[in-house]
Protein backbone atom coordinates (compact mmCIF):
# COMPACT_ATOMS: atom_id res chain seq x y z
CA UNK A 1 -14.82 -10.51 -3.51
CA UNK A 2 -12.17 -8.15 -4.73
CA UNK A 3 -12.98 -4.61 -5.84
CA UNK A 4 -11.90 -3.61 -9.34
CA UNK A 5 -11.16 0.11 -9.20
CA UNK A 6 -9.89 0.43 -12.77
CA UNK A 7 -13.02 -1.20 -14.18
CA UNK A 8 -15.22 0.97 -11.96
CA UNK A 9 -13.47 4.15 -13.07
CA UNK A 10 -13.74 3.21 -16.74
CA UNK A 11 -17.46 2.42 -16.43
CA UNK A 12 -18.10 5.64 -14.54
CA UNK A 13 -16.19 7.65 -17.15
CA UNK A 14 -18.29 6.09 -19.90
CA UNK A 15 -21.46 6.78 -17.90
CA UNK A 16 -20.50 10.44 -17.39
CA UNK A 17 -19.64 10.88 -21.09
CA UNK A 18 -22.94 9.28 -22.11
CA UNK A 19 -21.25 6.47 -24.03
CA UNK A 20 -23.20 3.79 -22.16
CA UNK A 21 -26.45 3.79 -20.21
CA UNK A 22 -25.77 1.96 -16.99
CA UNK A 23 -26.96 2.45 -13.42
CA UNK A 24 -24.88 2.62 -10.30
CA UNK A 25 -26.42 -0.67 -9.17
CA UNK A 26 -25.18 -2.42 -12.32
CA UNK A 27 -21.70 -0.96 -11.87
CA UNK A 28 -21.88 -2.01 -8.22
CA UNK A 29 -22.54 -5.63 -9.22
CA UNK A 30 -19.70 -5.65 -11.76
CA UNK A 31 -17.03 -4.00 -9.60
CA UNK A 32 -18.06 -4.77 -5.97
CA UNK A 33 -18.08 -1.07 -5.02
CA UNK A 34 -21.13 0.26 -3.18
CA UNK A 35 -23.23 3.06 -4.67
CA UNK A 36 -21.86 5.64 -2.24
CA UNK A 37 -18.27 4.84 -3.23
CA UNK A 38 -19.18 4.98 -6.92
CA UNK A 39 -20.73 8.43 -6.52
CA UNK A 40 -17.59 9.61 -4.70
CA UNK A 41 -15.39 8.18 -7.48
CA UNK A 42 -17.52 9.83 -10.18
CA UNK A 43 -17.01 13.22 -8.49
CA UNK A 44 -13.26 12.59 -8.41
CA UNK A 45 -13.22 11.64 -12.11
CA UNK A 46 -14.49 15.11 -12.97
CA UNK A 47 -11.49 16.67 -11.17
CA UNK A 48 -8.70 14.21 -12.09
CA UNK A 49 -7.91 11.67 -14.77
CA UNK A 50 -8.20 7.92 -14.25
CA UNK A 51 -4.46 7.24 -14.11
CA UNK A 52 -3.95 9.66 -11.21
CA UNK A 53 -6.86 8.12 -9.31
CA UNK A 54 -5.36 4.64 -9.59
CA UNK A 55 -2.16 5.74 -7.80
CA UNK A 56 -2.38 5.85 -4.01
CA UNK A 57 -2.27 9.36 -2.53
CA UNK A 58 0.60 8.68 -0.15
CA UNK A 59 2.94 7.04 -2.66
CA UNK A 60 6.42 8.60 -2.82
CA UNK A 61 5.87 10.31 0.54
CA UNK A 62 7.54 9.47 3.85
CA UNK A 63 5.72 7.26 6.32
CA UNK A 64 3.94 8.88 9.25
CA UNK A 65 5.99 6.64 11.54
CA UNK A 66 9.36 7.56 10.03
CA UNK A 67 11.97 9.44 12.01
CA UNK A 68 11.78 13.25 11.62
CA UNK A 69 14.61 14.76 9.58
CA UNK A 70 15.63 17.05 12.45
CA UNK A 71 16.05 14.09 14.76
CA UNK A 72 17.96 12.14 12.10
CA UNK A 73 20.36 15.06 11.59
CA UNK A 74 20.87 15.27 15.36
CA UNK A 75 21.85 11.59 15.47
CA UNK A 76 24.20 11.91 12.47
CA UNK A 77 25.95 14.97 13.90
CA UNK A 78 26.23 13.30 17.29
CA UNK A 79 27.84 10.23 15.71
CA UNK A 80 30.38 12.47 13.93
CA UNK A 81 31.36 14.13 17.21
CA UNK A 82 31.59 10.86 19.14
CA UNK A 83 32.44 8.02 16.73
CA UNK A 84 33.23 5.40 19.43
CA UNK A 85 30.26 5.99 21.74
CA UNK A 86 28.17 2.97 22.76
CA UNK A 87 24.43 2.74 22.29
CA UNK A 88 23.72 2.95 26.02
CA UNK A 89 25.91 6.07 26.36
CA UNK A 90 24.17 7.62 23.38
CA UNK A 91 20.73 6.85 24.82
CA UNK A 92 21.68 8.46 28.14
CA UNK A 93 22.87 11.67 26.47
CA UNK A 94 19.97 11.71 24.01
CA UNK A 95 17.27 11.29 26.65
CA UNK A 96 18.95 13.85 28.87
CA UNK A 97 18.91 16.34 26.00
CA UNK A 98 15.25 15.63 25.25
CA UNK A 99 14.26 15.95 28.93
CA UNK A 100 16.13 19.26 29.17
CA UNK A 101 14.25 20.55 26.13
CA UNK A 102 10.95 19.35 27.58
CA UNK A 103 11.69 21.01 30.93
CA UNK A 104 12.58 24.23 29.13
CA UNK A 105 9.31 24.15 27.21
CA UNK A 106 7.38 23.56 30.46
CA UNK A 107 9.23 26.45 32.12
CA UNK A 108 8.43 28.79 29.20
CA UNK A 109 4.78 27.74 29.32
CA UNK A 110 4.60 28.56 33.06
CA UNK A 111 6.04 32.03 32.46
CA UNK A 112 3.71 32.61 29.51
CA UNK A 113 0.60 31.64 31.45
CA UNK A 114 1.57 33.66 34.51
CA UNK A 115 2.20 36.80 32.41
CA UNK A 116 -1.01 36.70 30.39
CA UNK A 117 -3.36 34.83 32.73
CA UNK A 118 -2.58 35.93 36.31
CA UNK A 119 -4.42 34.12 39.06
């Protein structure tokens, strides 16, 4: 069965305001939300309005799997410098640059640990 969040929020709002006398179990049967979820939603209603609770929290935000802006700018600038480069050539240069950065970070970490944590 499908959960009806809008109906649940409206019933909880009415319950909080004292407009209707209804238990969490009755709301649970009408909306298919469990009691624990209804209690959590009722706490959120006190902080926010219903319309903001109906919108997903990650809407209008970039995906966690999207390319970082720094990396995207690197690719765009690289393409401006070398407009006729092939994908395989780009991948070679790109991975070489990343490995150099990684090696540099590892080198800095070794120096840092040897200075502050001598063995």
